[in-house]
């Protein structure tokens, strides 16, 4: 399976009033695990909750716009890559503050 996606970062979309939307970007895994990456799975959860409760989003890109639909403003985000053999390791976790504060 693939190694973890690299360089996970986030930035606020400041053309609006808080809570802001957040762009999340990452780089392809260093190793594809012997097969092309089919898609990425982004997990987003309220900072104090479990990954079991995370919202799961899938994309073929190495970026995604996340809109804040919850009452909480601070989230944790991680990404995994999937190839025909399965999901690889999760990326590092980044904290996204939809209100622009940490």
N, C-alpha and C. Protein backbone atom coordinates (compact mmCIF):
# COMPACT_ATOMS: atom_id res chain seq x y z
N UNK A 1 0.84 -1.19 0.00
CA UNK A 1 0.00 0.00 0.00
C UNK A 1 0.88 1.25 0.00
N UNK A 2 0.33 2.39 -0.35
CA UNK A 2 1.15 3.62 -0.46
C UNK A 2 1.65 4.11 0.89
N UNK A 3 2.73 4.87 0.86
CA UNK A 3 3.17 5.55 2.07
C UNK A 3 2.24 6.75 2.31
N UNK A 4 2.45 7.44 3.39
CA UNK A 4 1.59 8.57 3.76
C UNK A 4 1.77 9.75 2.80
N UNK A 5 0.69 10.44 2.46
CA UNK A 5 0.83 11.69 1.70
C UNK A 5 1.70 12.68 2.49
N UNK A 6 2.40 13.52 1.77
CA UNK A 6 3.36 14.44 2.38
C UNK A 6 2.84 15.88 2.38
N UNK A 7 3.48 16.72 3.19
CA UNK A 7 3.32 18.18 3.16
C UNK A 7 1.87 18.64 3.32
N UNK A 8 1.13 18.02 4.21
CA UNK A 8 -0.25 18.43 4.45
C UNK A 8 -0.27 19.82 5.08
N UNK A 9 -0.95 20.75 4.43
CA UNK A 9 -1.06 22.12 4.93
C UNK A 9 -2.49 22.61 4.75
N UNK A 10 -2.81 23.71 5.41
CA UNK A 10 -4.13 24.31 5.24
C UNK A 10 -4.01 25.82 5.25
N UNK A 11 -4.98 26.48 4.60
CA UNK A 11 -5.03 27.94 4.60
C UNK A 11 -6.47 28.39 4.55
N UNK A 12 -6.76 29.50 5.19
CA UNK A 12 -8.11 30.03 5.25
C UNK A 12 -8.49 30.74 3.97
N UNK A 13 -9.75 30.67 3.61
CA UNK A 13 -10.31 31.44 2.50
C UNK A 13 -10.90 32.69 3.15
N UNK A 14 -10.22 33.81 3.05
CA UNK A 14 -10.60 35.00 3.80
C UNK A 14 -11.51 35.97 3.04
N UNK A 15 -12.09 35.55 1.92
CA UNK A 15 -12.99 36.42 1.18
C UNK A 15 -14.39 36.42 1.78
N UNK A 16 -14.55 35.94 2.97
CA UNK A 16 -15.86 35.81 3.59
C UNK A 16 -15.74 36.15 5.07
N UNK A 17 -16.84 36.16 5.76
CA UNK A 17 -16.86 36.38 7.20
C UNK A 17 -16.62 35.05 7.90
N UNK A 18 -16.06 35.07 9.12
CA UNK A 18 -15.89 33.82 9.86
C UNK A 18 -17.24 33.16 10.09
N UNK A 19 -17.34 31.85 10.16
CA UNK A 19 -16.23 30.90 10.03
C UNK A 19 -15.78 30.78 8.58
N UNK A 20 -14.48 30.79 8.39
CA UNK A 20 -13.90 30.71 7.05
C UNK A 20 -13.91 29.29 6.52
N UNK A 21 -13.90 29.14 5.20
CA UNK A 21 -13.62 27.84 4.59
C UNK A 21 -12.11 27.64 4.64
N UNK A 22 -11.67 26.39 4.51
CA UNK A 22 -10.25 26.07 4.60
C UNK A 22 -9.83 25.24 3.39
N UNK A 23 -8.76 25.68 2.71
CA UNK A 23 -8.13 24.86 1.66
C UNK A 23 -7.13 23.94 2.32
N UNK A 24 -7.21 22.67 2.00
CA UNK A 24 -6.23 21.69 2.48
C UNK A 24 -5.50 21.16 1.25
N UNK A 25 -4.17 21.15 1.31
CA UNK A 25 -3.36 20.65 0.19
C UNK A 25 -2.33 19.67 0.73
N UNK A 26 -1.87 18.77 -0.15
CA UNK A 26 -0.85 17.79 0.23
C UNK A 26 -0.10 17.36 -1.02
N UNK A 27 0.98 16.64 -0.81
CA UNK A 27 1.79 16.09 -1.91
C UNK A 27 1.57 14.59 -1.99
N UNK A 28 1.83 14.04 -3.17
CA UNK A 28 1.68 12.60 -3.37
C UNK A 28 2.62 11.84 -2.44
N UNK A 29 2.28 10.60 -2.10
CA UNK A 29 3.16 9.80 -1.24
C UNK A 29 4.52 9.57 -1.90
N UNK A 30 5.53 9.42 -1.08
CA UNK A 30 6.87 9.13 -1.59
C UNK A 30 6.90 7.79 -2.31
N UNK A 31 6.17 6.81 -1.80
CA UNK A 31 6.08 5.48 -2.40
C UNK A 31 4.62 5.17 -2.73
N UNK A 32 4.36 4.63 -3.92
CA UNK A 32 2.97 4.32 -4.29
C UNK A 32 2.58 2.88 -3.93
N UNK A 33 3.49 2.11 -3.36
CA UNK A 33 3.17 0.75 -2.94
C UNK A 33 3.04 -0.24 -4.08
N UNK A 34 3.61 0.09 -5.24
CA UNK A 34 3.59 -0.83 -6.38
C UNK A 34 2.40 -0.67 -7.29
N UNK A 35 1.58 0.35 -7.07
CA UNK A 35 0.41 0.57 -7.90
C UNK A 35 0.04 2.06 -7.85
N UNK A 36 -0.53 2.56 -8.91
CA UNK A 36 -0.93 3.95 -8.99
C UNK A 36 -1.95 4.29 -7.90
N UNK A 37 -1.83 5.48 -7.33
CA UNK A 37 -2.82 5.94 -6.36
C UNK A 37 -4.14 6.16 -7.08
N UNK A 38 -5.21 5.55 -6.57
CA UNK A 38 -6.54 5.66 -7.17
C UNK A 38 -7.27 6.90 -6.67
N UNK A 39 -7.19 7.16 -5.36
CA UNK A 39 -7.79 8.36 -4.79
C UNK A 39 -7.24 8.59 -3.39
N UNK A 40 -7.59 9.75 -2.86
CA UNK A 40 -7.20 10.13 -1.50
C UNK A 40 -8.45 10.18 -0.63
N UNK A 41 -8.26 9.87 0.62
CA UNK A 41 -9.34 9.96 1.59
C UNK A 41 -8.93 10.98 2.64
N UNK A 42 -9.70 12.04 2.76
CA UNK A 42 -9.45 13.08 3.74
C UNK A 42 -10.41 12.87 4.89
N UNK A 43 -9.88 12.86 6.10
CA UNK A 43 -10.70 12.73 7.30
C UNK A 43 -10.63 14.04 8.07
N UNK A 44 -11.79 14.52 8.50
CA UNK A 44 -11.90 15.79 9.20
C UNK A 44 -12.76 15.58 10.44
N UNK A 45 -12.24 15.95 11.61
CA UNK A 45 -12.99 15.73 12.84
C UNK A 45 -12.85 16.92 13.77
N UNK A 46 -13.84 17.11 14.63
CA UNK A 46 -13.73 18.12 15.68
C UNK A 46 -12.55 17.73 16.55
N UNK A 47 -11.74 18.71 16.94
CA UNK A 47 -10.47 18.44 17.61
C UNK A 47 -10.58 17.54 18.83
N UNK A 48 -11.64 17.62 19.59
CA UNK A 48 -11.75 16.82 20.81
C UNK A 48 -12.41 15.46 20.60
N UNK A 49 -12.77 15.13 19.35
CA UNK A 49 -13.49 13.87 19.10
C UNK A 49 -12.55 12.79 18.59
N UNK A 50 -13.10 11.59 18.41
CA UNK A 50 -12.34 10.43 17.94
C UNK A 50 -12.31 10.40 16.41
N UNK A 51 -11.28 9.76 15.84
CA UNK A 51 -11.22 9.59 14.39
C UNK A 51 -12.38 8.72 13.90
N UNK A 52 -12.95 7.91 14.77
CA UNK A 52 -14.11 7.10 14.39
C UNK A 52 -15.27 7.99 13.96
N UNK A 53 -15.35 9.19 14.55
CA UNK A 53 -16.43 10.13 14.25
C UNK A 53 -16.10 11.09 13.11
N UNK A 54 -14.97 10.89 12.45
CA UNK A 54 -14.53 11.82 11.41
C UNK A 54 -15.43 11.79 10.18
N UNK A 55 -15.54 12.94 9.53
CA UNK A 55 -16.19 13.02 8.23
C UNK A 55 -15.17 12.58 7.20
N UNK A 56 -15.56 11.68 6.29
CA UNK A 56 -14.64 11.14 5.29
C UNK A 56 -15.01 11.70 3.92
N UNK A 57 -14.03 12.31 3.26
CA UNK A 57 -14.23 12.87 1.93
C UNK A 57 -13.22 12.23 0.99
N UNK A 58 -13.64 11.91 -0.24
CA UNK A 58 -12.73 11.29 -1.21
C UNK A 58 -12.50 12.23 -2.37
N UNK A 59 -11.27 12.20 -2.91
CA UNK A 59 -10.92 13.05 -4.04
C UNK A 59 -9.79 12.40 -4.85
N UNK A 60 -9.72 12.75 -6.11
CA UNK A 60 -8.61 12.33 -6.96
C UNK A 60 -7.52 13.39 -7.00
N UNK A 61 -7.78 14.54 -6.40
CA UNK A 61 -6.85 15.67 -6.40
C UNK A 61 -5.97 15.63 -5.16
N UNK A 62 -4.99 16.53 -5.11
CA UNK A 62 -4.16 16.68 -3.92
C UNK A 62 -4.52 17.98 -3.21
N UNK A 63 -5.79 18.32 -3.25
CA UNK A 63 -6.31 19.50 -2.55
C UNK A 63 -7.80 19.33 -2.35
N UNK A 64 -8.33 20.05 -1.37
CA UNK A 64 -9.77 20.01 -1.13
C UNK A 64 -10.16 21.26 -0.34
N UNK A 65 -11.32 21.80 -0.66
CA UNK A 65 -11.90 22.90 0.10
C UNK A 65 -12.87 22.32 1.11
N UNK A 66 -12.69 22.68 2.37
CA UNK A 66 -13.57 22.20 3.43
C UNK A 66 -14.36 23.38 3.97
N UNK A 67 -15.67 23.23 3.99
CA UNK A 67 -16.54 24.25 4.56
C UNK A 67 -16.95 23.83 5.96
N UNK A 68 -17.02 24.80 6.85
CA UNK A 68 -17.38 24.51 8.22
C UNK A 68 -18.90 24.47 8.36
N UNK A 69 -19.45 23.30 8.59
CA UNK A 69 -20.89 23.14 8.77
C UNK A 69 -21.27 22.85 10.22
N UNK A 70 -20.31 22.79 11.08
CA UNK A 70 -20.55 22.45 12.48
C UNK A 70 -20.45 23.70 13.35
N UNK A 71 -20.79 23.55 14.61
CA UNK A 71 -20.68 24.67 15.55
C UNK A 71 -19.26 24.82 16.09
N UNK A 72 -18.47 23.78 16.00
CA UNK A 72 -17.08 23.86 16.45
C UNK A 72 -16.24 24.53 15.37
N UNK A 73 -15.19 25.21 15.76
CA UNK A 73 -14.35 25.92 14.82
C UNK A 73 -12.98 25.28 14.63
N UNK A 74 -12.59 24.40 15.52
CA UNK A 74 -11.25 23.81 15.42
C UNK A 74 -11.38 22.33 15.10
N UNK A 75 -10.76 21.96 14.00
CA UNK A 75 -10.82 20.59 13.49
C UNK A 75 -9.42 20.04 13.30
N UNK A 76 -9.31 18.73 13.25
CA UNK A 76 -8.08 18.06 12.87
C UNK A 76 -8.33 17.35 11.55
N UNK A 77 -7.31 17.36 10.69
CA UNK A 77 -7.45 16.80 9.35
C UNK A 77 -6.25 15.91 9.07
N UNK A 78 -6.51 14.78 8.40
CA UNK A 78 -5.43 13.91 7.91
C UNK A 78 -5.88 13.29 6.59
N UNK A 79 -4.90 12.78 5.82
CA UNK A 79 -5.17 12.23 4.49
C UNK A 79 -4.47 10.89 4.34
N UNK A 80 -5.13 9.95 3.66
CA UNK A 80 -4.51 8.69 3.27
C UNK A 80 -4.67 8.50 1.77
N UNK A 81 -3.76 7.75 1.18
CA UNK A 81 -3.83 7.43 -0.25
C UNK A 81 -4.28 5.98 -0.40
N UNK A 82 -5.02 5.71 -1.48
CA UNK A 82 -5.49 4.34 -1.74
C UNK A 82 -5.05 3.92 -3.13
N UNK A 83 -4.51 2.71 -3.22
CA UNK A 83 -4.25 2.10 -4.52
C UNK A 83 -5.00 0.77 -4.57
N UNK A 84 -4.73 -0.05 -5.57
CA UNK A 84 -5.50 -1.30 -5.71
C UNK A 84 -5.25 -2.28 -4.56
N UNK A 85 -4.20 -2.06 -3.78
CA UNK A 85 -3.90 -2.93 -2.64
C UNK A 85 -4.54 -2.45 -1.35
N UNK A 86 -5.07 -1.23 -1.33
CA UNK A 86 -5.71 -0.70 -0.13
C UNK A 86 -5.19 0.67 0.26
N UNK A 87 -5.57 1.09 1.46
CA UNK A 87 -5.15 2.38 1.98
C UNK A 87 -3.78 2.28 2.61
N UNK A 88 -3.01 3.35 2.44
CA UNK A 88 -1.71 3.43 3.06
C UNK A 88 -1.79 4.12 4.41
N UNK A 89 -0.64 4.50 4.91
CA UNK A 89 -0.56 5.19 6.20
C UNK A 89 -1.15 6.59 6.10
N UNK A 90 -1.66 7.08 7.22
CA UNK A 90 -2.22 8.43 7.27
C UNK A 90 -1.09 9.46 7.32
N UNK A 91 -1.38 10.62 6.76
CA UNK A 91 -0.45 11.74 6.80
C UNK A 91 -0.33 12.26 8.22
N UNK A 92 0.54 13.23 8.42
CA UNK A 92 0.55 13.94 9.69
C UNK A 92 -0.81 14.63 9.84
N UNK A 93 -1.16 14.98 11.04
CA UNK A 93 -2.42 15.66 11.32
C UNK A 93 -2.17 17.16 11.35
N UNK A 94 -3.05 17.93 10.71
CA UNK A 94 -2.98 19.39 10.83
C UNK A 94 -4.25 19.88 11.51
N UNK A 95 -4.12 20.99 12.18
CA UNK A 95 -5.25 21.62 12.85
C UNK A 95 -5.76 22.76 11.97
N UNK A 96 -7.04 22.75 11.72
CA UNK A 96 -7.68 23.80 10.93
C UNK A 96 -8.62 24.58 11.84
N UNK A 97 -8.39 25.88 11.95
CA UNK A 97 -9.23 26.74 12.76
C UNK A 97 -10.10 27.58 11.83
N UNK A 98 -11.35 27.21 11.70
CA UNK A 98 -12.24 27.88 10.77
C UNK A 98 -12.52 29.33 11.14
N UNK A 99 -12.29 29.70 12.39
CA UNK A 99 -12.49 31.09 12.81
C UNK A 99 -11.22 31.89 12.63
N UNK A 100 -10.13 31.24 12.23
CA UNK A 100 -8.87 31.94 12.01
C UNK A 100 -8.07 32.16 13.28
N UNK A 101 -8.39 31.45 14.35
CA UNK A 101 -7.65 31.59 15.60
C UNK A 101 -7.20 30.21 16.08
N UNK A 102 -6.08 30.17 16.75
CA UNK A 102 -5.61 28.93 17.39
C UNK A 102 -5.09 29.25 18.77
